[in-house]
């Protein structure tokens, strides 16, 4: 679903269509289907059907509260995908601060992590879902790493096919440096994020109170994204 929705924003939707699609995901209501173009109807209904199935299972297990945390992540990422699309549509190059605020969400580490917790066992408490949903350091660091590694290695291709400015372009514009210098600095930031991930997993206070299966789910998102 993530790949399909990512492509919908990146490659298929018009500005007006994506406004409707983003609004529909925020509302999370099957009645929104009729407002969408035909190709989006299938995508949207499939997403809602998937989570209805998951909710049915969780209700039987007495864990229905978990589903809303996952749905909230879909709402969050759709909003940020649309911001990126608007930047491209308006030919706007944001500052690094603006870009990373949106980019760490669209990197999808949080979306890949939180919904993956839904089917786990009793070690997953409401407190852990609250922790994971409020930008803990390990998920932020994972998101920074994913965003920067993706931008460094794909930004030329993305610009050729039509995409909002990447971290590379944003850094070049803001600091007046060459592409090589921008990539060198961003790689340093990427390395620092990886150090934060390792620290949070092994040595931090977080590692003492959050079960290791939860932390390894966050790490797994790194491998899903191409590590």
C-alpha atoms as a PDB file:
ATOM      1  CA  UNK A   1       0.000   0.000   0.000  1.00  0.00           C
ATOM      2  CA  UNK A   2       2.836   2.384   0.788  1.00  0.00           C
ATOM      3  CA  UNK A   3       4.457   1.846  -2.602  1.00  0.00           C
ATOM      4  CA  UNK A   4       1.161   2.335  -4.432  1.00  0.00           C
ATOM      5  CA  UNK A   5       0.239   5.503  -2.533  1.00  0.00           C
ATOM      6  CA  UNK A   6       3.768   6.893  -2.883  1.00  0.00           C
ATOM      7  CA  UNK A   7       3.535   6.401  -6.655  1.00  0.00           C
ATOM      8  CA  UNK A   8       0.099   8.008  -6.702  1.00  0.00           C
ATOM      9  CA  UNK A   9       1.583  11.206  -5.291  1.00  0.00           C
ATOM     10  CA  UNK A  10       4.855  11.027  -7.228  1.00  0.00           C
ATOM     11  CA  UNK A  11       3.740   9.953 -10.679  1.00  0.00           C
ATOM     12  CA  UNK A  12       0.017   9.952 -11.317  1.00  0.00           C
ATOM     13  CA  UNK A  13      -2.136  12.463  -9.446  1.00  0.00           C
ATOM     14  CA  UNK A  14      -2.887  15.999 -10.555  1.00  0.00           C
ATOM     15  CA  UNK A  15      -2.968  18.798  -8.012  1.00  0.00           C
ATOM     16  CA  UNK A  16      -6.773  18.715  -7.774  1.00  0.00           C
ATOM     17  CA  UNK A  17      -6.906  14.910  -7.592  1.00  0.00           C
ATOM     18  CA  UNK A  18      -4.300  14.751  -4.841  1.00  0.00           C
ATOM     19  CA  UNK A  19      -6.127  17.399  -2.837  1.00  0.00           C
ATOM     20  CA  UNK A  20      -9.214  15.164  -2.918  1.00  0.00           C
ATOM     21  CA  UNK A  21      -7.158  12.056  -2.156  1.00  0.00           C
ATOM     22  CA  UNK A  22      -5.388  13.673   0.801  1.00  0.00           C
ATOM     23  CA  UNK A  23      -8.687  14.950   2.192  1.00  0.00           C
ATOM     24  CA  UNK A  24     -10.209  11.482   1.813  1.00  0.00           C
ATOM     25  CA  UNK A  25      -7.370   9.871   3.786  1.00  0.00           C
ATOM     26  CA  UNK A  26      -7.728  12.503   6.519  1.00  0.00           C
ATOM     27  CA  UNK A  27     -11.442  11.743   6.780  1.00  0.00           C
ATOM     28  CA  UNK A  28     -10.942   7.950   6.531  1.00  0.00           C
ATOM     29  CA  UNK A  29     -14.528   7.392   5.448  1.00  0.00           C
ATOM     30  CA  UNK A  30     -15.740   5.056   2.707  1.00  0.00           C
ATOM     31  CA  UNK A  31     -18.260   7.729   1.686  1.00  0.00           C
ATOM     32  CA  UNK A  32     -15.307   9.702   0.287  1.00  0.00           C
ATOM     33  CA  UNK A  33     -14.828   7.125  -2.481  1.00  0.00           C
ATOM     34  CA  UNK A  34     -17.371   8.785  -4.775  1.00  0.00           C
ATOM     35  CA  UNK A  35     -15.399  12.043  -4.722  1.00  0.00           C
ATOM     36  CA  UNK A  36     -12.286  10.429  -6.206  1.00  0.00           C
ATOM     37  CA  UNK A  37     -11.297   9.712  -9.813  1.00  0.00           C
ATOM     38  CA  UNK A  38     -11.756   6.069 -10.789  1.00  0.00           C
ATOM     39  CA  UNK A  39      -8.109   5.002 -10.486  1.00  0.00           C
ATOM     40  CA  UNK A  40      -7.918   6.463  -6.965  1.00  0.00           C
ATOM     41  CA  UNK A  41     -11.120   4.771  -5.842  1.00  0.00           C
ATOM     42  CA  UNK A  42      -9.493   1.352  -5.978  1.00  0.00           C
ATOM     43  CA  UNK A  43      -6.427   2.514  -4.043  1.00  0.00           C
ATOM     44  CA  UNK A  44      -8.433   4.295  -1.367  1.00  0.00           C
ATOM     45  CA  UNK A  45     -10.981   1.522  -0.882  1.00  0.00           C
ATOM     46  CA  UNK A  46      -8.197  -1.093  -0.709  1.00  0.00           C
ATOM     47  CA  UNK A  47      -6.510   0.862   2.083  1.00  0.00           C
ATOM     48  CA  UNK A  48      -9.722   1.165   4.084  1.00  0.00           C
ATOM     49  CA  UNK A  49     -10.622  -2.486   3.482  1.00  0.00           C
ATOM     50  CA  UNK A  50      -7.202  -3.611   4.688  1.00  0.00           C
ATOM     51  CA  UNK A  51      -7.549  -1.751   7.971  1.00  0.00           C
ATOM     52  CA  UNK A  52     -11.123  -2.879   8.443  1.00  0.00           C
ATOM     53  CA  UNK A  53      -9.869  -6.465   8.233  1.00  0.00           C
ATOM     54  CA  UNK A  54      -7.096  -5.705  10.706  1.00  0.00           C
ATOM     55  CA  UNK A  55      -9.556  -4.026  13.070  1.00  0.00           C
ATOM     56  CA  UNK A  56     -11.860  -7.058  12.979  1.00  0.00           C
ATOM     57  CA  UNK A  57      -8.946  -9.232  14.085  1.00  0.00           C
ATOM     58  CA  UNK A  58      -7.845  -6.809  16.781  1.00  0.00           C
ATOM     59  CA  UNK A  59     -11.391  -6.502  18.188  1.00  0.00           C
ATOM     60  CA  UNK A  60     -11.450 -10.271  18.737  1.00  0.00           C
ATOM     61  CA  UNK A  61      -8.127  -9.998  20.588  1.00  0.00           C
ATOM     62  CA  UNK A  62      -9.213  -7.026  22.702  1.00  0.00           C
ATOM     63  CA  UNK A  63      -6.609  -4.795  21.062  1.00  0.00           C
ATOM     64  CA  UNK A  64      -8.730  -2.627  18.782  1.00  0.00           C
ATOM     65  CA  UNK A  65      -7.160   0.579  20.155  1.00  0.00           C
ATOM     66  CA  UNK A  66      -3.979  -0.238  18.234  1.00  0.00           C
ATOM     67  CA  UNK A  67      -5.505   0.238  14.807  1.00  0.00           C
ATOM     68  CA  UNK A  68      -6.044   3.979  15.193  1.00  0.00           C
ATOM     69  CA  UNK A  69      -2.333   4.514  15.815  1.00  0.00           C
ATOM     70  CA  UNK A  70      -1.600   2.923  12.432  1.00  0.00           C
ATOM     71  CA  UNK A  71      -4.339   4.912  10.686  1.00  0.00           C
ATOM     72  CA  UNK A  72      -2.954   8.138  12.147  1.00  0.00           C
ATOM     73  CA  UNK A  73       0.386   7.377  10.495  1.00  0.00           C
ATOM     74  CA  UNK A  74      -1.317   7.082   7.101  1.00  0.00           C
ATOM     75  CA  UNK A  75      -2.975  10.441   7.679  1.00  0.00           C
ATOM     76  CA  UNK A  76       0.366  11.967   8.645  1.00  0.00           C
ATOM     77  CA  UNK A  77       2.259  10.682   5.632  1.00  0.00           C
ATOM     78  CA  UNK A  78      -0.460  11.672   3.151  1.00  0.00           C
ATOM     79  CA  UNK A  79      -0.375  15.262   4.441  1.00  0.00           C
ATOM     80  CA  UNK A  80       3.381  15.402   3.997  1.00  0.00           C
ATOM     81  CA  UNK A  81       3.330  13.738   0.577  1.00  0.00           C
ATOM     82  CA  UNK A  82       0.934  16.485  -0.488  1.00  0.00           C
ATOM     83  CA  UNK A  83       3.227  19.206   0.877  1.00  0.00           C
ATOM     84  CA  UNK A  84       6.062  17.775  -1.234  1.00  0.00           C
ATOM     85  CA  UNK A  85       3.795  17.678  -4.265  1.00  0.00           C
ATOM     86  CA  UNK A  86       2.815  21.335  -3.710  1.00  0.00           C
ATOM     87  CA  UNK A  87       6.499  22.291  -3.493  1.00  0.00           C
ATOM     88  CA  UNK A  88       7.090  20.625  -6.851  1.00  0.00           C
ATOM     89  CA  UNK A  89       3.926  22.135  -8.339  1.00  0.00           C
ATOM     90  CA  UNK A  90       4.986  25.633  -7.201  1.00  0.00           C
ATOM     91  CA  UNK A  91       8.669  25.097  -8.095  1.00  0.00           C
ATOM     92  CA  UNK A  92       9.545  25.931  -4.482  1.00  0.00           C
ATOM     93  CA  UNK A  93      12.885  24.966  -2.930  1.00  0.00           C
ATOM     94  CA  UNK A  94      12.474  24.896   0.876  1.00  0.00           C
ATOM     95  CA  UNK A  95      15.130  25.529   3.487  1.00  0.00           C
ATOM     96  CA  UNK A  96      16.765  22.464   4.971  1.00  0.00           C
ATOM     97  CA  UNK A  97      14.752  22.919   8.165  1.00  0.00           C
ATOM     98  CA  UNK A  98      11.491  23.060   6.204  1.00  0.00           C
ATOM     99  CA  UNK A  99      12.507  20.152   4.021  1.00  0.00           C
ATOM    100  CA  UNK A 100      13.614  17.818   6.803  1.00  0.00           C
ATOM    101  CA  UNK A 101      10.483  18.468   8.852  1.00  0.00           C
ATOM    102  CA  UNK A 102       8.460  17.063   5.971  1.00  0.00           C
ATOM    103  CA  UNK A 103      11.102  14.682   4.632  1.00  0.00           C
ATOM    104  CA  UNK A 104      11.518  12.662   7.802  1.00  0.00           C
ATOM    105  CA  UNK A 105       7.794  11.871   7.651  1.00  0.00           C
ATOM    106  CA  UNK A 106       7.747  11.066   3.934  1.00  0.00           C
ATOM    107  CA  UNK A 107      10.773   8.796   4.444  1.00  0.00           C
ATOM    108  CA  UNK A 108       8.132   6.486   5.966  1.00  0.00           C
ATOM    109  CA  UNK A 109      10.189   4.962   8.796  1.00  0.00           C
ATOM    110  CA  UNK A 110       7.454   5.833  11.269  1.00  0.00           C
ATOM    111  CA  UNK A 111       4.756   4.465   8.990  1.00  0.00           C
ATOM    112  CA  UNK A 112       6.712   1.249   8.481  1.00  0.00           C
ATOM    113  CA  UNK A 113       7.293   0.909  12.221  1.00  0.00           C
ATOM    114  CA  UNK A 114       4.042   1.769  14.007  1.00  0.00           C
ATOM    115  CA  UNK A 115       1.619  -0.329  11.903  1.00  0.00           C
ATOM    116  CA  UNK A 116       4.034  -3.275  12.189  1.00  0.00           C
ATOM    117  CA  UNK A 117       3.455  -3.216  15.968  1.00  0.00           C
ATOM    118  CA  UNK A 118      -0.313  -3.770  15.629  1.00  0.00           C
ATOM    119  CA  UNK A 119      -0.164  -7.558  15.396  1.00  0.00           C
ATOM    120  CA  UNK A 120       2.493  -8.073  18.065  1.00  0.00           C
ATOM    121  CA  UNK A 121       1.820  -9.676  21.432  1.00  0.00           C
ATOM    122  CA  UNK A 122       1.155  -8.478  24.960  1.00  0.00           C
ATOM    123  CA  UNK A 123       4.513  -6.723  25.228  1.00  0.00           C
ATOM    124  CA  UNK A 124       2.928  -3.941  23.159  1.00  0.00           C
ATOM    125  CA  UNK A 125       1.086  -1.666  25.589  1.00  0.00           C
ATOM    126  CA  UNK A 126      -0.760   1.610  24.944  1.00  0.00           C
ATOM    127  CA  UNK A 127       2.241   3.390  26.464  1.00  0.00           C
ATOM    128  CA  UNK A 128       4.536   1.913  23.807  1.00  0.00           C
ATOM    129  CA  UNK A 129       2.181   2.971  21.027  1.00  0.00           C
ATOM    130  CA  UNK A 130       2.134   6.482  22.495  1.00  0.00           C
ATOM    131  CA  UNK A 131       5.934   6.468  22.662  1.00  0.00           C
ATOM    132  CA  UNK A 132       6.318   5.274  19.071  1.00  0.00           C
ATOM    133  CA  UNK A 133       3.760   7.760  17.757  1.00  0.00           C
ATOM    134  CA  UNK A 134       5.446  10.819  19.268  1.00  0.00           C
ATOM    135  CA  UNK A 135       8.702  10.928  17.333  1.00  0.00           C
ATOM    136  CA  UNK A 136      11.110   9.098  19.661  1.00  0.00           C
ATOM    137  CA  UNK A 137      14.771   9.603  18.873  1.00  0.00           C
ATOM    138  CA  UNK A 138      15.312   6.167  17.317  1.00  0.00           C
ATOM    139  CA  UNK A 139      12.497   6.661  14.791  1.00  0.00           C
ATOM    140  CA  UNK A 140      13.571  10.237  14.018  1.00  0.00           C
ATOM    141  CA  UNK A 141      17.160   9.080  13.481  1.00  0.00           C
ATOM    142  CA  UNK A 142      15.970   6.221  11.291  1.00  0.00           C
ATOM    143  CA  UNK A 143      13.869   8.688   9.296  1.00  0.00           C
ATOM    144  CA  UNK A 144      16.786  11.105   8.850  1.00  0.00           C
ATOM    145  CA  UNK A 145      19.043   8.289   7.683  1.00  0.00           C
ATOM    146  CA  UNK A 146      16.431   6.950   5.251  1.00  0.00           C
ATOM    147  CA  UNK A 147      15.634  10.374   3.853  1.00  0.00           C
ATOM    148  CA  UNK A 148      19.247  11.389   3.280  1.00  0.00           C
ATOM    149  CA  UNK A 149      20.456   8.097   1.811  1.00  0.00           C
ATOM    150  CA  UNK A 150      17.500   8.104  -0.574  1.00  0.00           C
ATOM    151  CA  UNK A 151      18.083  11.720  -1.605  1.00  0.00           C
ATOM    152  CA  UNK A 152      21.829  11.394  -2.093  1.00  0.00           C
ATOM    153  CA  UNK A 153      21.602   8.385  -4.377  1.00  0.00           C
ATOM    154  CA  UNK A 154      18.398   9.141  -6.308  1.00  0.00           C
ATOM    155  CA  UNK A 155      18.136  12.935  -6.510  1.00  0.00           C
ATOM    156  CA  UNK A 156      19.339  13.189 -10.122  1.00  0.00           C
ATOM    157  CA  UNK A 157      16.839  10.606 -11.324  1.00  0.00           C
ATOM    158  CA  UNK A 158      14.045  12.191  -9.277  1.00  0.00           C
ATOM    159  CA  UNK A 159      14.725  15.620 -10.768  1.00  0.00           C
ATOM    160  CA  UNK A 160      14.703  14.212 -14.300  1.00  0.00           C
ATOM    161  CA  UNK A 161      11.302  12.599 -13.865  1.00  0.00           C
ATOM    162  CA  UNK A 162       9.799  15.568 -11.984  1.00  0.00           C
ATOM    163  CA  UNK A 163       9.924  15.704  -8.187  1.00  0.00           C
ATOM    164  CA  UNK A 164      10.245  18.292  -5.431  1.00  0.00           C
ATOM    165  CA  UNK A 165      13.757  19.431  -4.528  1.00  0.00           C
ATOM    166  CA  UNK A 166      15.696  16.860  -2.524  1.00  0.00           C
ATOM    167  CA  UNK A 167      17.910  17.490   0.479  1.00  0.00           C
ATOM    168  CA  UNK A 168      20.799  17.862  -1.965  1.00  0.00           C
ATOM    169  CA  UNK A 169      19.154  20.696  -3.924  1.00  0.00           C
ATOM    170  CA  UNK A 170      17.916  22.350  -0.718  1.00  0.00           C
ATOM    171  CA  UNK A 171      21.387  22.270   0.827  1.00  0.00           C
ATOM    172  CA  UNK A 172      23.028  23.631  -2.329  1.00  0.00           C
ATOM    173  CA  UNK A 173      20.609  26.543  -2.523  1.00  0.00           C
ATOM    174  CA  UNK A 174      20.711  27.425   1.171  1.00  0.00           C
ATOM    175  CA  UNK A 175      24.470  27.234   1.671  1.00  0.00           C
ATOM    176  CA  UNK A 176      25.766  28.046  -1.818  1.00  0.00           C
ATOM    177  CA  UNK A 177      27.952  24.948  -2.104  1.00  0.00           C
ATOM    178  CA  UNK A 178      28.638  22.440  -4.871  1.00  0.00           C
ATOM    179  CA  UNK A 179      26.739  19.175  -5.256  1.00  0.00           C
ATOM    180  CA  UNK A 180      29.809  17.265  -4.068  1.00  0.00           C
ATOM    181  CA  UNK A 181      30.127  19.417  -0.935  1.00  0.00           C
ATOM    182  CA  UNK A 182      26.403  19.065  -0.216  1.00  0.00           C
ATOM    183  CA  UNK A 183      26.555  15.278  -0.503  1.00  0.00           C
ATOM    184  CA  UNK A 184      29.626  15.123   1.729  1.00  0.00           C
ATOM    185  CA  UNK A 185      27.874  17.085   4.474  1.00  0.00           C
ATOM    186  CA  UNK A 186      24.656  15.097   4.167  1.00  0.00           C
ATOM    187  CA  UNK A 187      26.591  11.842   4.413  1.00  0.00           C
ATOM    188  CA  UNK A 188      28.051  13.098   7.714  1.00  0.00           C
ATOM    189  CA  UNK A 189      24.521  13.778   8.965  1.00  0.00           C
ATOM    190  CA  UNK A 190      23.492  10.322   7.781  1.00  0.00           C
ATOM    191  CA  UNK A 191      26.384   8.735   9.703  1.00  0.00           C
ATOM    192  CA  UNK A 192      25.418  10.667  12.842  1.00  0.00           C
ATOM    193  CA  UNK A 193      21.846   9.416  12.512  1.00  0.00           C
ATOM    194  CA  UNK A 194      23.095   5.835  12.272  1.00  0.00           C
ATOM    195  CA  UNK A 195      25.138   6.355  15.453  1.00  0.00           C
ATOM    196  CA  UNK A 196      21.977   7.619  17.182  1.00  0.00           C
ATOM    197  CA  UNK A 197      20.098   4.502  16.045  1.00  0.00           C
ATOM    198  CA  UNK A 198      22.809   2.240  17.473  1.00  0.00           C
ATOM    199  CA  UNK A 199      22.943   4.173  20.743  1.00  0.00           C
ATOM    200  CA  UNK A 200      19.178   4.160  21.197  1.00  0.00           C
ATOM    201  CA  UNK A 201      19.008   0.428  20.463  1.00  0.00           C
ATOM    202  CA  UNK A 202      21.782  -0.682  22.805  1.00  0.00           C
ATOM    203  CA  UNK A 203      22.857   1.896  25.386  1.00  0.00           C
ATOM    204  CA  UNK A 204      20.114   4.441  26.006  1.00  0.00           C
ATOM    205  CA  UNK A 205      17.436   4.573  28.680  1.00  0.00           C
ATOM    206  CA  UNK A 206      14.988   3.751  25.893  1.00  0.00           C
ATOM    207  CA  UNK A 207      16.657   0.372  25.403  1.00  0.00           C
ATOM    208  CA  UNK A 208      15.989  -0.430  29.076  1.00  0.00           C
ATOM    209  CA  UNK A 209      12.250   0.217  28.981  1.00  0.00           C
ATOM    210  CA  UNK A 210      11.197  -0.535  25.390  1.00  0.00           C
ATOM    211  CA  UNK A 211      11.209  -4.260  24.491  1.00  0.00           C
ATOM    212  CA  UNK A 212      13.897  -5.279  22.026  1.00  0.00           C
ATOM    213  CA  UNK A 213      11.360  -6.756  19.556  1.00  0.00           C
ATOM    214  CA  UNK A 214       9.911  -3.243  19.256  1.00  0.00           C
ATOM    215  CA  UNK A 215      13.299  -1.638  18.650  1.00  0.00           C
ATOM    216  CA  UNK A 216      14.228  -4.287  16.083  1.00  0.00           C
ATOM    217  CA  UNK A 217      11.022  -3.502  14.167  1.00  0.00           C
ATOM    218  CA  UNK A 218      12.315   0.052  13.818  1.00  0.00           C
ATOM    219  CA  UNK A 219      15.659  -1.302  12.631  1.00  0.00           C
ATOM    220  CA  UNK A 220      13.851  -3.523  10.132  1.00  0.00           C
ATOM    221  CA  UNK A 221      12.500  -0.441   8.389  1.00  0.00           C
ATOM    222  CA  UNK A 222      16.116   0.384   7.474  1.00  0.00           C
ATOM    223  CA  UNK A 223      16.462  -2.893   5.600  1.00  0.00           C
ATOM    224  CA  UNK A 224      13.071  -2.487   3.938  1.00  0.00           C
ATOM    225  CA  UNK A 225      14.185   0.888   2.622  1.00  0.00           C
ATOM    226  CA  UNK A 226      17.260  -0.599   0.996  1.00  0.00           C
ATOM    227  CA  UNK A 227      19.976  -0.868   3.615  1.00  0.00           C
END
